C-alpha atoms as a PDB file:
ATOM      1  CA  MET A   1      22.680  -8.659 -34.753  1.00  0.00           C
ATOM      2  CA  LEU A   2      20.779  -6.424 -36.980  1.00  0.00           C
ATOM      3  CA  GLU A   3      20.721  -7.274 -40.974  1.00  0.00           C
ATOM      4  CA  VAL A   4      18.865  -4.737 -43.341  1.00  0.00           C
ATOM      5  CA  SER A   5      18.460  -6.200 -46.894  1.00  0.00           C
ATOM      6  CA  LYS A   6      17.063  -4.330 -49.868  1.00  0.00           C
ATOM      7  CA  LEU A   7      15.291  -1.590 -47.731  1.00  0.00           C
ATOM      8  CA  SER A   8      13.454   0.919 -49.649  1.00  0.00           C
ATOM      9  CA  ALA A   9      11.120   3.649 -48.161  1.00  0.00           C
ATOM     10  CA  TRP A  10       8.859   6.346 -49.457  1.00  0.00           C
ATOM     11  CA  HIS A  11       7.531   9.765 -48.211  1.00  0.00           C
ATOM     12  CA  GLY A  12       4.250   9.740 -50.143  1.00  0.00           C
ATOM     13  CA  ALA A  13       5.141   9.261 -53.900  1.00  0.00           C
ATOM     14  CA  ALA A  14       8.844  10.265 -53.395  1.00  0.00           C
ATOM     15  CA  GLN A  15      11.140   7.415 -52.828  1.00  0.00           C
ATOM     16  CA  ALA A  16      13.882   8.073 -50.203  1.00  0.00           C
ATOM     17  CA  LEU A  17      15.682   4.982 -49.818  1.00  0.00           C
ATOM     18  CA  PHE A  18      16.803   2.401 -52.591  1.00  0.00           C
ATOM     19  CA  ASP A  19      17.557  -1.225 -51.868  1.00  0.00           C
ATOM     20  CA  VAL A  20      19.662  -0.243 -48.806  1.00  0.00           C
ATOM     21  CA  SER A  21      21.590  -3.274 -47.205  1.00  0.00           C
ATOM     22  CA  LEU A  22      23.733  -3.178 -44.159  1.00  0.00           C
ATOM     23  CA  GLN A  23      24.604  -5.100 -40.968  1.00  0.00           C
ATOM     24  CA  VAL A  24      25.400  -4.188 -37.351  1.00  0.00           C
ATOM     25  CA  GLY A  25      27.177  -7.012 -35.386  1.00  0.00           C
ATOM     26  CA  GLN A  26      27.242  -7.443 -31.665  1.00  0.00           C
ATOM     27  CA  GLY A  27      29.374  -4.662 -30.046  1.00  0.00           C
ATOM     28  CA  GLU A  28      29.871  -2.815 -33.237  1.00  0.00           C
ATOM     29  CA  LEU A  29      29.824   0.835 -33.732  1.00  0.00           C
ATOM     30  CA  VAL A  30      28.715   1.683 -37.348  1.00  0.00           C
ATOM     31  CA  VAL A  31      28.599   5.323 -38.433  1.00  0.00           C
ATOM     32  CA  LEU A  32      26.299   6.350 -41.078  1.00  0.00           C
ATOM     33  CA  GLN A  33      27.416   9.534 -42.853  1.00  0.00           C
ATOM     34  CA  GLY A  34      25.612  11.581 -45.685  1.00  0.00           C
ATOM     35  CA  LEU A  35      24.511  15.108 -46.586  1.00  0.00           C
ATOM     36  CA  ASN A  36      21.212  16.341 -45.269  1.00  0.00           C
ATOM     37  CA  GLY A  37      18.440  14.804 -47.119  1.00  0.00           C
ATOM     38  CA  ALA A  38      20.410  11.814 -48.038  1.00  0.00           C
ATOM     39  CA  GLY A  39      18.000   9.582 -46.149  1.00  0.00           C
ATOM     40  CA  LYS A  40      19.816   9.007 -42.980  1.00  0.00           C
ATOM     41  CA  SER A  41      16.798   9.747 -40.478  1.00  0.00           C
ATOM     42  CA  THR A  42      14.417   7.776 -42.796  1.00  0.00           C
ATOM     43  CA  LEU A  43      16.759   4.790 -42.626  1.00  0.00           C
ATOM     44  CA  LEU A  44      16.750   4.719 -38.908  1.00  0.00           C
ATOM     45  CA  GLN A  45      13.013   5.491 -38.563  1.00  0.00           C
ATOM     46  CA  ALA A  46      12.408   2.675 -41.042  1.00  0.00           C
ATOM     47  CA  ILE A  47      14.495   0.066 -39.036  1.00  0.00           C
ATOM     48  CA  MET A  48      12.446   1.317 -35.876  1.00  0.00           C
ATOM     49  CA  GLY A  49       9.125   0.996 -37.656  1.00  0.00           C
ATOM     50  CA  LEU A  50       8.357   4.713 -37.696  1.00  0.00           C
ATOM     51  CA  GLY A  51       7.769   7.273 -40.312  1.00  0.00           C
ATOM     52  CA  ALA A  52       7.931   6.405 -43.991  1.00  0.00           C
ATOM     53  CA  GLN A  53       6.175   3.582 -45.784  1.00  0.00           C
ATOM     54  CA  ALA A  54       8.887   0.811 -46.316  1.00  0.00           C
ATOM     55  CA  SER A  55       9.681  -2.482 -47.967  1.00  0.00           C
ATOM     56  CA  GLY A  56      12.470  -4.913 -47.284  1.00  0.00           C
ATOM     57  CA  ILE A  57      14.007  -7.450 -44.916  1.00  0.00           C
ATOM     58  CA  LEU A  58      14.832  -6.616 -41.407  1.00  0.00           C
ATOM     59  CA  ARG A  59      16.297  -9.172 -39.177  1.00  0.00           C
ATOM     60  CA  TYR A  60      17.200  -8.455 -35.526  1.00  0.00           C
ATOM     61  CA  GLN A  61      18.867 -11.318 -33.489  1.00  0.00           C
ATOM     62  CA  GLY A  62      17.948 -13.610 -36.577  1.00  0.00           C
ATOM     63  CA  GLN A  63      14.282 -12.850 -36.300  1.00  0.00           C
ATOM     64  CA  PRO A  64      12.311 -11.199 -38.998  1.00  0.00           C
ATOM     65  CA  ILE A  65      10.916  -7.851 -37.715  1.00  0.00           C
ATOM     66  CA  GLU A  66       9.723  -5.839 -40.753  1.00  0.00           C
ATOM     67  CA  ASN A  67       6.243  -6.584 -39.826  1.00  0.00           C
ATOM     68  CA  TRP A  68       6.543  -5.809 -36.250  1.00  0.00           C
ATOM     69  CA  PRO A  69       5.023  -2.535 -34.828  1.00  0.00           C
ATOM     70  CA  SER A  70       7.484  -0.083 -33.457  1.00  0.00           C
ATOM     71  CA  HIS A  71       6.604  -0.720 -29.737  1.00  0.00           C
ATOM     72  CA  ARG A  72       7.277  -4.452 -30.227  1.00  0.00           C
ATOM     73  CA  ARG A  73      10.909  -3.596 -31.848  1.00  0.00           C
ATOM     74  CA  ALA A  74      11.584  -1.452 -28.777  1.00  0.00           C
ATOM     75  CA  GLN A  75      10.544  -4.062 -26.332  1.00  0.00           C
ATOM     76  CA  ALA A  76      12.835  -6.573 -28.160  1.00  0.00           C
ATOM     77  CA  GLY A  77      15.714  -4.300 -27.546  1.00  0.00           C
ATOM     78  CA  LEU A  78      15.934  -1.651 -30.156  1.00  0.00           C
ATOM     79  CA  GLY A  79      16.689   1.827 -28.798  1.00  0.00           C
ATOM     80  CA  TYR A  80      16.097   4.856 -30.715  1.00  0.00           C
ATOM     81  CA  VAL A  81      17.180   8.575 -30.022  1.00  0.00           C
ATOM     82  CA  ALA A  82      15.720  10.946 -32.633  1.00  0.00           C
ATOM     83  CA  GLU A  83      17.407  14.062 -33.773  1.00  0.00           C
ATOM     84  CA  ASP A  84      14.834  16.284 -32.192  1.00  0.00           C
ATOM     85  CA  ARG A  85      15.369  14.303 -28.697  1.00  0.00           C
ATOM     86  CA  ARG A  86      11.525  14.349 -27.794  1.00  0.00           C
ATOM     87  CA  LEU A  87      12.193  15.126 -24.153  1.00  0.00           C
ATOM     88  CA  PHE A  88       9.383  15.921 -21.764  1.00  0.00           C
ATOM     89  CA  THR A  89      10.712  19.593 -21.260  1.00  0.00           C
ATOM     90  CA  GLY A  90       8.392  20.330 -18.361  1.00  0.00           C
ATOM     91  CA  LEU A  91       9.692  17.411 -16.395  1.00  0.00           C
ATOM     92  CA  SER A  92      12.819  17.012 -14.335  1.00  0.00           C
ATOM     93  CA  VAL A  93      15.869  15.141 -15.493  1.00  0.00           C
ATOM     94  CA  ARG A  94      15.248  12.404 -12.974  1.00  0.00           C
ATOM     95  CA  GLU A  95      11.434  12.116 -14.244  1.00  0.00           C
ATOM     96  CA  ASN A  96      12.423  11.764 -17.750  1.00  0.00           C
ATOM     97  CA  LEU A  97      14.719   8.938 -17.026  1.00  0.00           C
ATOM     98  CA  HIS A  98      12.142   7.036 -14.732  1.00  0.00           C
ATOM     99  CA  ILE A  99       9.445   7.380 -17.404  1.00  0.00           C
ATOM    100  CA  ALA A 100      11.436   5.332 -19.719  1.00  0.00           C
ATOM    101  CA  ALA A 101      12.793   2.685 -16.981  1.00  0.00           C
ATOM    102  CA  ARG A 102      12.294  -1.006 -17.287  1.00  0.00           C
ATOM    103  CA  GLY A 103      13.344  -3.516 -14.892  1.00  0.00           C
ATOM    104  CA  ASN A 104      15.413  -2.517 -11.857  1.00  0.00           C
ATOM    105  CA  ALA A 105      15.206   1.417 -12.357  1.00  0.00           C
ATOM    106  CA  THR A 106      17.542   2.205  -9.582  1.00  0.00           C
ATOM    107  CA  ALA A 107      20.389   0.054 -10.971  1.00  0.00           C
ATOM    108  CA  THR A 108      19.883   1.008 -14.380  1.00  0.00           C
ATOM    109  CA  LEU A 109      19.957   4.770 -13.408  1.00  0.00           C
ATOM    110  CA  ALA A 110      23.095   4.368 -11.606  1.00  0.00           C
ATOM    111  CA  GLN A 111      24.626   2.805 -14.696  1.00  0.00           C
ATOM    112  CA  VAL A 112      23.567   5.572 -16.922  1.00  0.00           C
ATOM    113  CA  LEU A 113      24.753   8.332 -14.477  1.00  0.00           C
ATOM    114  CA  GLN A 114      28.246   6.479 -14.552  1.00  0.00           C
ATOM    115  CA  LEU A 115      28.135   6.967 -18.195  1.00  0.00           C
ATOM    116  CA  PHE A 116      26.925  10.549 -18.129  1.00  0.00           C
ATOM    117  CA  PRO A 117      28.126  11.854 -14.701  1.00  0.00           C
ATOM    118  CA  ALA A 118      27.378  15.571 -15.775  1.00  0.00           C
ATOM    119  CA  LEU A 119      23.639  14.501 -15.323  1.00  0.00           C
ATOM    120  CA  GLN A 120      23.958  13.765 -11.646  1.00  0.00           C
ATOM    121  CA  PRO A 121      23.770  17.385 -10.339  1.00  0.00           C
ATOM    122  CA  MET A 122      20.894  18.076 -12.829  1.00  0.00           C
ATOM    123  CA  LEU A 123      18.523  15.464 -11.590  1.00  0.00           C
ATOM    124  CA  GLY A 124      16.164  17.868 -10.141  1.00  0.00           C
ATOM    125  CA  ARG A 125      16.369  20.236 -13.168  1.00  0.00           C
ATOM    126  CA  ARG A 126      13.769  20.552 -15.841  1.00  0.00           C
ATOM    127  CA  ALA A 127      14.744  19.450 -19.187  1.00  0.00           C
ATOM    128  CA  SER A 128      13.713  22.741 -20.572  1.00  0.00           C
ATOM    129  CA  GLN A 129      16.566  24.495 -18.547  1.00  0.00           C
ATOM    130  CA  MET A 130      19.309  22.376 -20.058  1.00  0.00           C
ATOM    131  CA  SER A 131      21.715  23.463 -22.870  1.00  0.00           C
ATOM    132  CA  GLY A 132      21.369  21.559 -26.156  1.00  0.00           C
ATOM    133  CA  GLY A 133      24.320  19.137 -25.311  1.00  0.00           C
ATOM    134  CA  GLU A 134      22.869  18.508 -21.931  1.00  0.00           C
ATOM    135  CA  GLN A 135      19.522  17.638 -23.421  1.00  0.00           C
ATOM    136  CA  GLN A 136      21.300  15.290 -25.908  1.00  0.00           C
ATOM    137  CA  MET A 137      23.032  13.338 -23.052  1.00  0.00           C
ATOM    138  CA  LEU A 138      19.600  12.964 -21.446  1.00  0.00           C
ATOM    139  CA  ALA A 139      17.808  11.855 -24.676  1.00  0.00           C
ATOM    140  CA  ILE A 140      20.548   9.117 -24.896  1.00  0.00           C
ATOM    141  CA  ALA A 141      20.399   8.236 -21.144  1.00  0.00           C
ATOM    142  CA  ARG A 142      16.709   7.888 -21.198  1.00  0.00           C
ATOM    143  CA  THR A 143      16.725   5.476 -24.043  1.00  0.00           C
ATOM    144  CA  LEU A 144      19.384   3.457 -22.211  1.00  0.00           C
ATOM    145  CA  MET A 145      16.999   3.340 -19.253  1.00  0.00           C
ATOM    146  CA  THR A 146      14.889   1.121 -21.626  1.00  0.00           C
ATOM    147  CA  GLN A 147      17.833  -1.565 -21.460  1.00  0.00           C
ATOM    148  CA  PRO A 148      18.362  -1.715 -25.267  1.00  0.00           C
ATOM    149  CA  ARG A 149      20.757  -4.156 -27.075  1.00  0.00           C
ATOM    150  CA  LEU A 150      21.049  -2.105 -30.133  1.00  0.00           C
ATOM    151  CA  LEU A 151      21.120   1.754 -30.233  1.00  0.00           C
ATOM    152  CA  LEU A 152      19.956   3.839 -33.343  1.00  0.00           C
ATOM    153  CA  LEU A 153      21.046   7.411 -32.729  1.00  0.00           C
ATOM    154  CA  ASP A 154      20.265  10.263 -35.308  1.00  0.00           C
ATOM    155  CA  GLU A 155      22.834  12.967 -35.137  1.00  0.00           C
ATOM    156  CA  PRO A 156      23.789  12.936 -31.425  1.00  0.00           C
ATOM    157  CA  CYS A 157      26.623  15.387 -31.830  1.00  0.00           C
ATOM    158  CA  GLU A 158      24.953  17.880 -34.152  1.00  0.00           C
ATOM    159  CA  GLY A 159      25.242  21.560 -32.936  1.00  0.00           C
ATOM    160  CA  ILE A 160      26.467  20.921 -29.438  1.00  0.00           C
ATOM    161  CA  ALA A 161      29.723  22.077 -27.627  1.00  0.00           C
ATOM    162  CA  PRO A 162      32.973  20.249 -28.398  1.00  0.00           C
ATOM    163  CA  VAL A 163      33.412  19.242 -24.769  1.00  0.00           C
ATOM    164  CA  LEU A 164      30.011  17.668 -24.632  1.00  0.00           C
ATOM    165  CA  VAL A 165      30.704  15.970 -28.083  1.00  0.00           C
ATOM    166  CA  GLU A 166      33.618  14.440 -26.501  1.00  0.00           C
ATOM    167  CA  ALA A 167      31.618  13.159 -23.404  1.00  0.00           C
ATOM    168  CA  ILE A 168      29.081  11.658 -25.684  1.00  0.00           C
ATOM    169  CA  ARG A 169      31.729   9.920 -27.893  1.00  0.00           C
ATOM    170  CA  ASP A 170      33.291   8.572 -24.639  1.00  0.00           C
ATOM    171  CA  ALA A 171      30.068   7.236 -23.455  1.00  0.00           C
ATOM    172  CA  LEU A 172      29.236   5.553 -26.767  1.00  0.00           C
ATOM    173  CA  LEU A 173      32.698   3.889 -26.756  1.00  0.00           C
ATOM    174  CA  GLN A 174      32.084   2.620 -23.224  1.00  0.00           C
ATOM    175  CA  LEU A 175      28.830   1.259 -24.427  1.00  0.00           C
ATOM    176  CA  ARG A 176      30.453  -0.422 -27.287  1.00  0.00           C
ATOM    177  CA  ALA A 177      33.024  -1.903 -24.941  1.00  0.00           C
ATOM    178  CA  SER A 178      30.245  -3.396 -22.906  1.00  0.00           C
ATOM    179  CA  GLY A 179      28.931  -5.329 -25.898  1.00  0.00           C
ATOM    180  CA  MET A 180      26.314  -2.577 -27.055  1.00  0.00           C
ATOM    181  CA  ALA A 181      25.801  -2.584 -30.898  1.00  0.00           C
ATOM    182  CA  MET A 182      25.217   0.846 -32.398  1.00  0.00           C
ATOM    183  CA  LEU A 183      24.083   2.423 -35.793  1.00  0.00           C
ATOM    184  CA  VAL A 184      24.728   6.194 -35.611  1.00  0.00           C
ATOM    185  CA  ALA A 185      23.866   8.773 -38.201  1.00  0.00           C
ATOM    186  CA  GLU A 186      26.681  11.272 -37.630  1.00  0.00           C
ATOM    187  CA  GLN A 187      28.876  13.573 -39.435  1.00  0.00           C
ATOM    188  CA  ASN A 188      31.398  14.409 -36.521  1.00  0.00           C
ATOM    189  CA  GLU A 189      34.722  12.885 -37.507  1.00  0.00           C
ATOM    190  CA  LEU A 190      35.655  12.279 -33.636  1.00  0.00           C
ATOM    191  CA  LEU A 191      33.094   9.447 -33.580  1.00  0.00           C
ATOM    192  CA  SER A 192      33.599   8.172 -37.226  1.00  0.00           C
ATOM    193  CA  ALA A 193      37.343   7.944 -36.429  1.00  0.00           C
ATOM    194  CA  GLN A 194      36.466   5.303 -33.775  1.00  0.00           C
ATOM    195  CA  ALA A 195      33.869   3.321 -35.745  1.00  0.00           C
ATOM    196  CA  ASP A 196      34.189  -0.172 -36.759  1.00  0.00           C
ATOM    197  CA  ARG A 197      32.645   0.658 -40.084  1.00  0.00           C
ATOM    198  CA  VAL A 198      31.611   3.923 -41.761  1.00  0.00           C
ATOM    199  CA  LEU A 199      28.750   3.688 -44.369  1.00  0.00           C
ATOM    200  CA  LEU A 200      27.987   6.568 -46.759  1.00  0.00           C
ATOM    201  CA  LEU A 201      24.455   7.352 -47.832  1.00  0.00           C
ATOM    202  CA  GLN A 202      23.981   9.307 -50.919  1.00  0.00           C
ATOM    203  CA  ALA A 203      20.492  10.064 -52.290  1.00  0.00           C
ATOM    204  CA  GLY A 204      19.123   7.043 -50.751  1.00  0.00           C
ATOM    205  CA  HIS A 205      21.961   4.659 -51.956  1.00  0.00           C
ATOM    206  CA  ILE A 206      24.498   3.046 -49.384  1.00  0.00           C
ATOM    207  CA  LYS A 207      28.154   2.323 -49.764  1.00  0.00           C
ATOM    208  CA  ALA A 208      30.992   1.469 -47.420  1.00  0.00           C
ATOM    209  CA  ILE A 209      33.961   3.497 -47.244  1.00  0.00           C
ATOM    210  CA  PRO A 210      37.258   2.859 -45.584  1.00  0.00           C
ATOM    211  CA  VAL A 211      38.036   3.598 -42.073  1.00  0.00           C
END
């Protein structure tokens, strides 16, 4: 579904990624591990067409997308959840979700709330009044409102309560069961233990590790 070949990226003169190659198939959960500064966020942003200057080959559903702007990649079905969540904190949960909606918003909202039932009683709450874990669920839910086929998630379980980590893990596993493909930068072993493949990024170089 997603093929990355010899992807390199730079922040100014500093090279952050070196000939990275990976694949994510339909319905696969691929976890990307690595220390802070290893290039995980840069890799996800480069796939999405954001951030650093990049070169290499990106294919999504057989089409080359490396020259597509980020909004075209999103329209084609790439969904990206940034580490900083990028919520509209002055708006309610419902408003955050509806802003992102495509197609039948009512039906999609119902599906999203099935995945994250904890958001149901919070629909009228401002995003600024949520905990970090609740905000993370909202960030994922908002991206799901765009009806993506492939999710790119940057540290979705970092710094949040264990019970919410489990809720996010369970939601992602449900998405995988429905056929969603995911590439997740994540250190939490709860998620990597359920992955189809785990990749390790070290100083901008990637390698597979056994699961």
